[in-house]
Amino acid sequence: MKLQIIHGPNLNLLGSRETSVYGTESLDSINKKCEALAQELGCEIATDQSNSESDIIDIIHAARQGVDGILINPGAFTHYSYAIRDAVAAVQIPTVEVHLSNVHSREKFRHKSVIAPVAAGQISGFGADSYLLGMRALVGLIKNA
């Protein structure tokens, strides 16, 4: 089983960006935790980060070739990228949306996700553990399909 993990805009700055909201953990640290969990779950992961909407869409499209599930933190694209939403819908690969912070306890514009309606589920508010919870949920979803 192979999972594609996609980190959206500004996540390359984790560890130094708004630490009161996103914590002090780096993206590299989160990726290492995901790699360790992948070994535990018996799956393979690929991780990509981009600040570009078009790059994220290309990663989603490429996932059609041998990827069983997508774990995505679309960052700010969550709230308005119909193009990413349409890409997720088009590839028909089980997808889980994750967020480090609890988007529902933040500014009102962050409460709506255009991605969530085409994802299997959304996990937010658990910091780096949101990724790990999302991976577990995605693997379970794939195994039970």
N, C-alpha and C. Protein backbone atom coordinates (compact mmCIF):
# COMPACT_ATOMS: atom_id res chain seq x y z
N MET A 1 0.84 -1.18 0.00
CA MET A 1 0.00 0.00 0.00
C MET A 1 0.89 1.24 0.00
N LYS A 2 0.53 2.20 -0.85
CA LYS A 2 1.31 3.43 -0.93
C LYS A 2 0.41 4.64 -0.68
N LEU A 3 0.91 5.54 0.17
CA LEU A 3 0.21 6.79 0.48
C LEU A 3 1.02 7.97 -0.02
N GLN A 4 0.32 8.96 -0.54
CA GLN A 4 0.94 10.22 -0.93
C GLN A 4 0.56 11.26 0.11
N ILE A 5 1.57 11.86 0.74
CA ILE A 5 1.33 12.93 1.71
C ILE A 5 1.69 14.25 1.04
N ILE A 6 0.74 15.17 1.08
CA ILE A 6 0.93 16.47 0.44
C ILE A 6 0.82 17.57 1.49
N HIS A 7 1.87 18.35 1.60
CA HIS A 7 1.90 19.49 2.50
C HIS A 7 1.76 20.75 1.65
N GLY A 8 0.79 21.58 1.98
CA GLY A 8 0.52 22.77 1.20
C GLY A 8 1.36 23.98 1.57
N PRO A 9 0.88 25.16 1.19
CA PRO A 9 1.67 26.40 1.31
C PRO A 9 2.04 26.75 2.74
N ASN A 10 3.25 27.25 2.86
CA ASN A 10 3.83 27.76 4.11
C ASN A 10 4.20 26.68 5.12
N LEU A 11 3.89 25.43 4.81
CA LEU A 11 4.23 24.37 5.75
C LEU A 11 5.74 24.09 5.77
N ASN A 12 6.45 24.54 4.77
CA ASN A 12 7.91 24.46 4.78
C ASN A 12 8.51 25.33 5.88
N LEU A 13 7.73 26.26 6.43
CA LEU A 13 8.19 27.16 7.48
C LEU A 13 7.85 26.67 8.89
N LEU A 14 7.28 25.46 8.99
CA LEU A 14 6.92 24.94 10.31
C LEU A 14 8.13 24.92 11.23
N GLY A 15 7.87 25.21 12.47
CA GLY A 15 8.93 25.26 13.48
C GLY A 15 9.34 26.69 13.78
N SER A 16 9.13 27.57 12.80
CA SER A 16 9.46 28.98 13.01
C SER A 16 8.28 29.90 12.70
N ARG A 17 7.28 29.39 12.04
CA ARG A 17 6.12 30.20 11.62
C ARG A 17 5.01 30.13 12.67
N GLU A 18 4.62 31.26 13.19
CA GLU A 18 3.49 31.33 14.13
C GLU A 18 3.46 30.13 15.08
N THR A 19 4.50 29.99 15.86
CA THR A 19 4.64 28.81 16.73
C THR A 19 3.51 28.71 17.75
N SER A 20 2.88 29.81 18.09
CA SER A 20 1.76 29.74 19.03
C SER A 20 0.55 29.04 18.41
N VAL A 21 0.49 29.02 17.09
CA VAL A 21 -0.61 28.35 16.38
C VAL A 21 -0.18 26.97 15.89
N TYR A 22 1.01 26.90 15.27
CA TYR A 22 1.43 25.68 14.59
C TYR A 22 2.47 24.86 15.34
N GLY A 23 2.96 25.35 16.47
CA GLY A 23 3.95 24.62 17.25
C GLY A 23 5.36 24.82 16.75
N THR A 24 6.28 24.13 17.37
CA THR A 24 7.70 24.29 17.06
C THR A 24 8.27 23.13 16.26
N GLU A 25 7.44 22.17 15.93
CA GLU A 25 7.92 21.01 15.19
C GLU A 25 8.12 21.36 13.72
N SER A 26 9.23 20.91 13.15
CA SER A 26 9.54 21.19 11.75
C SER A 26 8.82 20.21 10.82
N LEU A 27 8.74 20.58 9.56
CA LEU A 27 8.14 19.70 8.56
C LEU A 27 8.96 18.41 8.44
N ASP A 28 10.28 18.52 8.52
CA ASP A 28 11.13 17.33 8.47
C ASP A 28 10.81 16.38 9.61
N SER A 29 10.57 16.92 10.79
CA SER A 29 10.22 16.09 11.94
C SER A 29 8.88 15.39 11.72
N ILE A 30 7.91 16.10 11.18
CA ILE A 30 6.61 15.49 10.90
C ILE A 30 6.76 14.38 9.86
N ASN A 31 7.55 14.63 8.82
CA ASN A 31 7.77 13.60 7.81
C ASN A 31 8.43 12.36 8.41
N LYS A 32 9.37 12.55 9.31
CA LYS A 32 10.03 11.40 9.96
C LYS A 32 9.04 10.60 10.80
N LYS A 33 8.15 11.28 11.49
CA LYS A 33 7.11 10.58 12.27
C LYS A 33 6.19 9.81 11.33
N CYS A 34 5.85 10.39 10.20
CA CYS A 34 5.00 9.71 9.22
C CYS A 34 5.72 8.49 8.65
N GLU A 35 7.01 8.60 8.39
CA GLU A 35 7.79 7.47 7.88
C GLU A 35 7.82 6.33 8.89
N ALA A 36 8.01 6.67 10.17
CA ALA A 36 8.03 5.64 11.21
C ALA A 36 6.67 4.95 11.31
N LEU A 37 5.60 5.71 11.25
CA LEU A 37 4.27 5.11 11.32
C LEU A 37 4.00 4.26 10.07
N ALA A 38 4.46 4.70 8.93
CA ALA A 38 4.28 3.92 7.70
C ALA A 38 4.91 2.54 7.85
N GLN A 39 6.11 2.49 8.44
CA GLN A 39 6.76 1.19 8.67
C GLN A 39 5.92 0.33 9.60
N GLU A 40 5.40 0.94 10.65
CA GLU A 40 4.55 0.22 11.61
C GLU A 40 3.30 -0.33 10.93
N LEU A 41 2.72 0.46 10.04
CA LEU A 41 1.48 0.07 9.37
C LEU A 41 1.71 -0.79 8.13
N GLY A 42 2.98 -0.97 7.77
CA GLY A 42 3.32 -1.80 6.61
C GLY A 42 2.98 -1.15 5.28
N CYS A 43 3.17 0.15 5.21
CA CYS A 43 2.91 0.84 3.94
C CYS A 43 4.08 1.74 3.58
N GLU A 44 4.03 2.24 2.37
CA GLU A 44 5.06 3.12 1.84
C GLU A 44 4.46 4.51 1.70
N ILE A 45 5.28 5.54 1.94
CA ILE A 45 4.77 6.91 1.75
C ILE A 45 5.71 7.70 0.84
N ALA A 46 5.10 8.65 0.18
CA ALA A 46 5.85 9.67 -0.56
C ALA A 46 5.37 11.00 0.02
N THR A 47 6.30 11.91 0.27
CA THR A 47 5.93 13.21 0.83
C THR A 47 6.37 14.32 -0.11
N ASP A 48 5.49 15.29 -0.29
CA ASP A 48 5.79 16.45 -1.11
C ASP A 48 5.21 17.68 -0.43
N GLN A 49 5.91 18.81 -0.59
CA GLN A 49 5.42 20.10 -0.10
C GLN A 49 5.54 21.09 -1.24
N SER A 50 4.51 21.92 -1.39
CA SER A 50 4.58 22.97 -2.39
C SER A 50 3.77 24.17 -1.93
N ASN A 51 4.27 25.34 -2.30
CA ASN A 51 3.56 26.58 -2.08
C ASN A 51 2.73 26.95 -3.32
N SER A 52 2.76 26.10 -4.33
CA SER A 52 2.10 26.38 -5.60
C SER A 52 0.87 25.49 -5.79
N GLU A 53 -0.25 26.12 -6.06
CA GLU A 53 -1.48 25.38 -6.29
C GLU A 53 -1.33 24.42 -7.47
N SER A 54 -0.71 24.87 -8.54
CA SER A 54 -0.57 24.01 -9.72
C SER A 54 0.31 22.80 -9.43
N ASP A 55 1.36 22.97 -8.64
CA ASP A 55 2.21 21.82 -8.27
C ASP A 55 1.42 20.80 -7.47
N ILE A 56 0.60 21.28 -6.55
CA ILE A 56 -0.22 20.36 -5.74
C ILE A 56 -1.19 19.59 -6.63
N ILE A 57 -1.78 20.26 -7.58
CA ILE A 57 -2.69 19.58 -8.52
C ILE A 57 -1.93 18.53 -9.31
N ASP A 58 -0.73 18.85 -9.76
CA ASP A 58 0.08 17.87 -10.50
C ASP A 58 0.43 16.66 -9.64
N ILE A 59 0.71 16.87 -8.36
CA ILE A 59 1.01 15.75 -7.45
C ILE A 59 -0.23 14.87 -7.30
N ILE A 60 -1.38 15.48 -7.15
CA ILE A 60 -2.64 14.71 -7.04
C ILE A 60 -2.88 13.92 -8.31
N HIS A 61 -2.71 14.53 -9.47
CA HIS A 61 -2.91 13.82 -10.74
C HIS A 61 -1.94 12.65 -10.87
N ALA A 62 -0.68 12.87 -10.50
CA ALA A 62 0.33 11.80 -10.60
C ALA A 62 0.02 10.63 -9.67
N ALA A 63 -0.74 10.88 -8.62
CA ALA A 63 -1.08 9.83 -7.66
C ALA A 63 -1.93 8.72 -8.30
N ARG A 64 -2.51 9.00 -9.45
CA ARG A 64 -3.29 7.96 -10.14
C ARG A 64 -2.43 6.76 -10.49
N GLN A 65 -1.13 6.95 -10.54
CA GLN A 65 -0.21 5.88 -10.91
C GLN A 65 0.36 5.22 -9.65
N GLY A 66 -0.38 4.30 -9.07
CA GLY A 66 0.15 3.46 -8.00
C GLY A 66 -0.02 3.96 -6.58
N VAL A 67 -0.80 4.99 -6.35
CA VAL A 67 -1.03 5.47 -4.99
C VAL A 67 -2.42 5.01 -4.54
N ASP A 68 -2.48 4.48 -3.32
CA ASP A 68 -3.74 3.95 -2.80
C ASP A 68 -4.52 4.96 -1.98
N GLY A 69 -3.84 5.98 -1.46
CA GLY A 69 -4.52 6.98 -0.64
C GLY A 69 -3.72 8.27 -0.59
N ILE A 70 -4.42 9.37 -0.37
CA ILE A 70 -3.80 10.69 -0.28
C ILE A 70 -4.12 11.29 1.08
N LEU A 71 -3.09 11.78 1.74
CA LEU A 71 -3.22 12.55 2.98
C LEU A 71 -2.77 13.96 2.63
N ILE A 72 -3.66 14.93 2.79
CA ILE A 72 -3.34 16.28 2.34
C ILE A 72 -3.62 17.32 3.42
N ASN A 73 -2.64 18.18 3.62
CA ASN A 73 -2.84 19.40 4.40
C ASN A 73 -2.77 20.53 3.37
N PRO A 74 -3.91 20.99 2.89
CA PRO A 74 -3.90 22.00 1.84
C PRO A 74 -3.58 23.41 2.32
N GLY A 75 -3.34 23.58 3.62
CA GLY A 75 -3.05 24.91 4.14
C GLY A 75 -4.17 25.87 3.77
N ALA A 76 -3.82 27.09 3.43
CA ALA A 76 -4.83 28.11 3.10
C ALA A 76 -5.64 27.76 1.86
N PHE A 77 -5.12 26.87 0.99
CA PHE A 77 -5.90 26.46 -0.17
C PHE A 77 -7.19 25.73 0.24
N THR A 78 -7.23 25.25 1.47
CA THR A 78 -8.41 24.56 2.00
C THR A 78 -9.68 25.36 1.77
N HIS A 79 -9.57 26.66 1.92
CA HIS A 79 -10.75 27.51 2.01
C HIS A 79 -11.25 28.06 0.68
N TYR A 80 -10.43 27.90 -0.39
CA TYR A 80 -10.88 28.51 -1.65
C TYR A 80 -10.39 27.82 -2.91
N SER A 81 -9.60 26.77 -2.82
CA SER A 81 -9.07 26.18 -4.05
C SER A 81 -10.02 25.13 -4.62
N TYR A 82 -10.90 25.61 -5.48
CA TYR A 82 -11.78 24.67 -6.17
C TYR A 82 -10.99 23.80 -7.14
N ALA A 83 -9.85 24.28 -7.59
CA ALA A 83 -9.01 23.48 -8.49
C ALA A 83 -8.44 22.27 -7.77
N ILE A 84 -7.97 22.43 -6.54
CA ILE A 84 -7.48 21.28 -5.76
C ILE A 84 -8.65 20.37 -5.41
N ARG A 85 -9.77 20.95 -5.05
CA ARG A 85 -10.97 20.16 -4.76
C ARG A 85 -11.34 19.30 -5.96
N ASP A 86 -11.35 19.89 -7.14
CA ASP A 86 -11.71 19.16 -8.35
C ASP A 86 -10.69 18.08 -8.68
N ALA A 87 -9.42 18.33 -8.41
CA ALA A 87 -8.39 17.32 -8.65
C ALA A 87 -8.59 16.12 -7.73
N VAL A 88 -8.88 16.38 -6.46
CA VAL A 88 -9.14 15.28 -5.51
C VAL A 88 -10.35 14.47 -5.98
N ALA A 89 -11.41 15.16 -6.38
CA ALA A 89 -12.60 14.46 -6.87
C ALA A 89 -12.31 13.66 -8.13
N ALA A 90 -11.50 14.22 -9.02
CA ALA A 90 -11.25 13.58 -10.31
C ALA A 90 -10.47 12.29 -10.21
N VAL A 91 -9.49 12.22 -9.30
CA VAL A 91 -8.63 11.03 -9.26
C VAL A 91 -9.30 9.85 -8.56
N GLN A 92 -10.33 10.12 -7.78
CA GLN A 92 -11.09 9.05 -7.10
C GLN A 92 -10.19 8.15 -6.26
N ILE A 93 -9.29 8.75 -5.52
CA ILE A 93 -8.41 8.05 -4.59
C ILE A 93 -8.84 8.46 -3.18
N PRO A 94 -9.01 7.50 -2.27
CA PRO A 94 -9.40 7.88 -0.91
C PRO A 94 -8.45 8.96 -0.36
N THR A 95 -9.04 10.03 0.17
CA THR A 95 -8.27 11.19 0.62
C THR A 95 -8.74 11.62 2.01
N VAL A 96 -7.75 11.92 2.86
CA VAL A 96 -8.03 12.47 4.19
C VAL A 96 -7.35 13.83 4.27
N GLU A 97 -8.11 14.82 4.71
CA GLU A 97 -7.61 16.19 4.89
C GLU A 97 -7.19 16.36 6.34
N VAL A 98 -6.00 16.93 6.54
CA VAL A 98 -5.51 17.16 7.90
C VAL A 98 -5.06 18.60 8.08
N HIS A 99 -5.13 19.04 9.33
CA HIS A 99 -4.66 20.37 9.71
C HIS A 99 -4.03 20.30 11.08
N LEU A 100 -2.94 21.02 11.27
CA LEU A 100 -2.26 21.06 12.56
C LEU A 100 -3.11 21.75 13.61
N SER A 101 -3.67 22.90 13.25
CA SER A 101 -4.48 23.67 14.20
C SER A 101 -5.95 23.29 14.05
N ASN A 102 -6.73 23.65 15.05
CA ASN A 102 -8.17 23.45 14.97
C ASN A 102 -8.75 24.60 14.17
N VAL A 103 -8.98 24.36 12.90
CA VAL A 103 -9.44 25.42 11.99
C VAL A 103 -10.79 25.98 12.41
N HIS A 104 -11.56 25.21 13.16
CA HIS A 104 -12.90 25.65 13.55
C HIS A 104 -12.89 26.58 14.77
N SER A 105 -11.74 26.69 15.41
CA SER A 105 -11.63 27.60 16.56
C SER A 105 -10.86 28.87 16.19
N ARG A 106 -10.58 29.01 14.92
CA ARG A 106 -9.80 30.15 14.46
C ARG A 106 -10.69 31.15 13.72
N GLU A 107 -10.09 31.99 12.88
CA GLU A 107 -10.85 33.00 12.15
C GLU A 107 -11.97 32.34 11.35
N LYS A 108 -13.07 33.08 11.21
CA LYS A 108 -14.26 32.54 10.55
C LYS A 108 -13.98 32.01 9.14
N PHE A 109 -13.11 32.71 8.38
CA PHE A 109 -12.86 32.26 7.01
C PHE A 109 -12.21 30.88 6.97
N ARG A 110 -11.60 30.45 8.07
CA ARG A 110 -10.97 29.12 8.11
C ARG A 110 -11.96 27.99 8.42
N HIS A 111 -13.18 28.32 8.75
CA HIS A 111 -14.16 27.31 9.15
C HIS A 111 -14.66 26.48 7.98
N LYS A 112 -14.59 27.01 6.78
CA LYS A 112 -15.11 26.29 5.61
C LYS A 112 -13.98 25.69 4.79
N SER A 113 -14.13 24.41 4.51
CA SER A 113 -13.20 23.72 3.62
C SER A 113 -13.93 23.34 2.35
N VAL A 114 -13.35 23.70 1.21
CA VAL A 114 -13.92 23.26 -0.06
C VAL A 114 -13.41 21.86 -0.42
N ILE A 115 -12.40 21.39 0.30
CA ILE A 115 -11.83 20.06 0.07
C ILE A 115 -12.64 18.98 0.81
N ALA A 116 -13.11 19.29 2.01
CA ALA A 116 -13.78 18.31 2.86
C ALA A 116 -14.91 17.55 2.17
N PRO A 117 -15.74 18.19 1.36
CA PRO A 117 -16.83 17.43 0.74
C PRO A 117 -16.39 16.31 -0.21
N VAL A 118 -15.16 16.36 -0.70
CA VAL A 118 -14.68 15.30 -1.59
C VAL A 118 -13.64 14.41 -0.90
N ALA A 119 -13.38 14.65 0.38
CA ALA A 119 -12.46 13.82 1.17
C ALA A 119 -13.26 12.82 1.99
N ALA A 120 -12.61 11.74 2.38
CA ALA A 120 -13.26 10.76 3.23
C ALA A 120 -13.50 11.33 4.62
N GLY A 121 -12.62 12.23 5.05
CA GLY A 121 -12.76 12.84 6.36
C GLY A 121 -11.73 13.92 6.56
N GLN A 122 -11.87 14.61 7.69
CA GLN A 122 -10.97 15.71 8.03
C GLN A 122 -10.57 15.57 9.50
N ILE A 123 -9.27 15.76 9.77
CA ILE A 123 -8.75 15.72 11.13
C ILE A 123 -7.99 17.01 11.36
N SER A 124 -8.33 17.72 12.44
CA SER A 124 -7.66 18.98 12.71
C SER A 124 -7.50 19.19 14.20
N GLY A 125 -6.48 19.98 14.54
CA GLY A 125 -6.32 20.43 15.91
C GLY A 125 -5.40 19.62 16.78
N PHE A 126 -4.74 18.62 16.25
CA PHE A 126 -3.88 17.76 17.05
C PHE A 126 -2.40 17.93 16.74
N GLY A 127 -2.04 19.05 16.16
CA GLY A 127 -0.65 19.28 15.82
C GLY A 127 -0.16 18.21 14.86
N ALA A 128 1.09 17.80 15.03
CA ALA A 128 1.66 16.77 14.15
C ALA A 128 0.88 15.47 14.23
N ASP A 129 0.24 15.21 15.35
CA ASP A 129 -0.55 13.98 15.48
C ASP A 129 -1.72 13.95 14.51
N SER A 130 -2.14 15.10 13.99
CA SER A 130 -3.21 15.10 12.98
C SER A 130 -2.78 14.26 11.78
N TYR A 131 -1.51 14.35 11.40
CA TYR A 131 -1.00 13.54 10.29
C TYR A 131 -1.05 12.06 10.63
N LEU A 132 -0.62 11.72 11.83
CA LEU A 132 -0.57 10.31 12.23
C LEU A 132 -1.97 9.72 12.36
N LEU A 133 -2.89 10.49 12.94
CA LEU A 133 -4.28 10.04 13.01
C LEU A 133 -4.86 9.89 11.61
N GLY A 134 -4.54 10.84 10.74
CA GLY A 134 -5.01 10.77 9.36
C GLY A 134 -4.48 9.56 8.62
N MET A 135 -3.20 9.24 8.84
CA MET A 135 -2.61 8.06 8.20
C MET A 135 -3.30 6.79 8.67
N ARG A 136 -3.53 6.69 9.97
CA ARG A 136 -4.21 5.50 10.50
C ARG A 136 -5.62 5.37 9.92
N ALA A 137 -6.33 6.49 9.84
CA ALA A 137 -7.68 6.47 9.29
C ALA A 137 -7.65 6.08 7.82
N LEU A 138 -6.71 6.62 7.08
CA LEU A 138 -6.62 6.33 5.65
C LEU A 138 -6.28 4.88 5.39
N VAL A 139 -5.34 4.33 6.13
CA VAL A 139 -4.97 2.92 5.97
C VAL A 139 -6.17 2.03 6.30
N GLY A 140 -6.88 2.35 7.38
CA GLY A 140 -8.09 1.58 7.73
C GLY A 140 -9.15 1.65 6.65
N LEU A 141 -9.33 2.83 6.10
CA LEU A 141 -10.30 3.03 5.04
C LEU A 141 -9.95 2.19 3.81
N ILE A 142 -8.69 2.18 3.44
CA ILE A 142 -8.24 1.43 2.26
C ILE A 142 -8.39 -0.08 2.51
N LYS A 143 -7.98 -0.52 3.69
CA LYS A 143 -8.07 -1.95 4.00
C LYS A 143 -9.51 -2.45 4.05
N ASN A 144 -10.42 -1.58 4.45
CA ASN A 144 -11.83 -1.98 4.59
C ASN A 144 -12.65 -1.73 3.34
N ALA A 145 -12.01 -1.25 2.28
CA ALA A 145 -12.76 -0.94 1.05
C ALA A 145 -13.11 -2.20 0.29
